[in-house]
Amino acid sequence: MCLAVPGRVLEIAEKDGTRMATVDFGGVRKEVCLEYLPDLRVGEYAIVHVGFALQRLDEESARQTLELFEQLGMLQEEFGDPWEMAAEAGGASWPFTDDEPATDAAPTATRQEEIPQ
């Protein structure tokens, strides 16, 4: 699922002719394109979707939304480490620790289905 997430602008710079910002989403920082909001300033909040700041947002609304997303686990789903999520889905702990046994076993066979001719 892709969310439109509120974030606070930390820095603004031009990169390759495009206005970009470092935006904080409740502790996660990402690079965001500001071309749709050319007058957005450092310290302001915006709704961001797929790397584009789309709409300015007041600070209180942004904080409430981030809190709600955090409670629902949606920030982890949106910004979480895909390797960590895959490990957890497979029943492994993350991060892996040195005291866990290595698994050098042969790969398990995969089921092949017959394709009708």
Protein backbone atom coordinates (compact mmCIF):
# COMPACT_ATOMS: atom_id res chain seq x y z
CA MET A 1 0.00 0.00 0.00
CA CYS A 2 1.27 3.48 -0.73
CA LEU A 3 0.32 6.21 1.68
CA ALA A 4 0.33 9.96 1.40
CA VAL A 5 2.36 10.75 4.53
CA PRO A 6 2.92 14.11 6.22
CA GLY A 7 6.51 15.16 6.69
CA ARG A 8 8.51 18.16 7.88
CA VAL A 9 10.96 19.82 5.51
CA LEU A 10 14.49 19.84 6.98
CA GLU A 11 16.60 21.05 4.05
CA ILE A 12 15.98 22.31 0.54
CA ALA A 13 18.41 22.15 -2.36
CA GLU A 14 18.39 22.06 -6.13
CA LYS A 15 19.57 18.79 -7.65
CA ASP A 16 19.97 18.49 -11.40
CA GLY A 17 17.64 21.45 -11.93
CA THR A 18 14.91 20.05 -9.65
CA ARG A 19 13.91 21.53 -6.28
CA MET A 20 14.38 18.74 -3.72
CA ALA A 21 14.08 18.50 0.06
CA THR A 22 15.12 16.24 2.88
CA VAL A 23 11.87 15.51 4.70
CA ASP A 24 11.40 13.92 8.13
CA PHE A 25 8.50 11.46 8.49
CA GLY A 26 8.44 10.79 12.21
CA GLY A 27 12.11 9.84 12.34
CA VAL A 28 12.52 8.50 8.82
CA ARG A 29 14.23 10.90 6.41
CA LYS A 30 13.68 10.76 2.66
CA GLU A 31 14.46 12.88 -0.37
CA VAL A 32 11.32 14.49 -1.81
CA CYS A 33 10.62 16.48 -4.96
CA LEU A 34 9.15 19.96 -4.31
CA GLU A 35 8.23 20.87 -7.88
CA TYR A 36 4.48 20.79 -7.12
CA LEU A 37 4.97 23.11 -4.10
CA PRO A 38 7.65 25.57 -5.23
CA ASP A 39 7.05 27.94 -2.30
CA LEU A 40 7.36 25.31 0.46
CA ARG A 41 9.97 26.33 3.06
CA VAL A 42 12.19 24.64 5.65
CA GLY A 43 10.18 23.87 8.78
CA GLU A 44 6.86 23.54 6.98
CA TYR A 45 4.89 20.31 6.61
CA ALA A 46 3.59 18.70 3.45
CA ILE A 47 1.67 15.62 2.42
CA VAL A 48 4.06 13.44 0.39
CA HIS A 49 3.10 10.63 -1.97
CA VAL A 50 5.59 8.50 -3.95
CA GLY A 51 8.35 11.04 -3.42
CA PHE A 52 6.42 14.20 -4.34
CA ALA A 53 5.24 16.89 -1.92
CA LEU A 54 1.64 17.45 -2.97
CA GLN A 55 -0.01 19.70 -0.39
CA ARG A 56 1.03 21.98 2.48
CA LEU A 57 -0.20 20.87 5.90
CA ASP A 58 -0.31 22.55 9.32
CA GLU A 59 1.94 21.14 12.04
CA GLU A 60 -0.85 19.90 14.35
CA SER A 61 -2.57 17.94 11.57
CA ALA A 62 0.77 16.45 10.53
CA ARG A 63 1.59 15.34 14.09
CA GLN A 64 -1.86 13.79 14.63
CA THR A 65 -1.65 11.89 11.35
CA LEU A 66 1.88 10.63 12.04
CA GLU A 67 0.79 9.46 15.52
CA LEU A 68 -2.18 7.60 14.06
CA PHE A 69 -0.05 5.99 11.33
CA GLU A 70 2.49 4.92 13.98
CA GLN A 71 -0.22 3.38 16.18
CA LEU A 72 -1.60 1.46 13.21
CA GLY A 73 1.87 0.29 12.14
CA MET A 74 1.49 2.01 8.80
CA LEU A 75 4.78 3.93 9.01
CA GLN A 76 6.67 0.66 9.43
CA GLU A 77 4.76 -0.78 6.48
CA GLU A 78 5.51 2.26 4.33
CA PHE A 79 9.10 3.01 5.41
CA GLY A 80 10.25 -0.19 7.11
CA ASP A 81 13.31 -2.11 6.06
CA PRO A 82 12.17 -4.65 3.42
CA TRP A 83 14.84 -7.13 4.57
CA GLU A 84 13.61 -6.90 8.15
CA MET A 85 9.98 -7.37 7.08
CA ALA A 86 10.91 -10.39 4.93
CA ALA A 87 12.85 -11.96 7.82
CA GLU A 88 9.93 -11.46 10.19
CA ALA A 89 7.47 -12.87 7.64
CA GLY A 90 9.70 -15.96 7.37
CA GLY A 91 9.80 -16.39 11.15
CA ALA A 92 13.41 -15.23 11.63
CA SER A 93 14.53 -12.56 14.05
CA TRP A 94 16.04 -9.36 12.76
CA PRO A 95 18.74 -8.29 12.84
CA PHE A 96 20.43 -11.62 12.60
CA THR A 97 22.90 -12.23 15.39
CA ASP A 98 26.27 -13.97 15.27
CA ASP A 99 25.11 -16.63 17.73
CA GLU A 100 22.40 -17.91 15.38
CA PRO A 101 23.39 -21.12 13.60
CA ALA A 102 24.27 -20.81 9.96
CA THR A 103 22.01 -22.61 7.57
CA ASP A 104 24.20 -24.33 5.00
CA ALA A 105 21.58 -26.90 4.18
CA ALA A 106 20.77 -27.65 0.58
CA PRO A 107 17.97 -25.57 -0.83
CA THR A 108 14.55 -27.08 -0.44
CA ALA A 109 12.86 -28.44 -3.51
CA THR A 110 10.20 -26.28 -5.01
CA ARG A 111 6.94 -27.71 -6.22
CA GLN A 112 6.55 -27.67 -9.95
CA GLU A 113 3.10 -27.78 -11.40
CA GLU A 114 2.30 -29.58 -14.58
CA ILE A 115 1.29 -27.30 -17.42
CA PRO A 116 -1.44 -28.76 -19.61
CA GLN A 117 -0.44 -29.12 -23.25
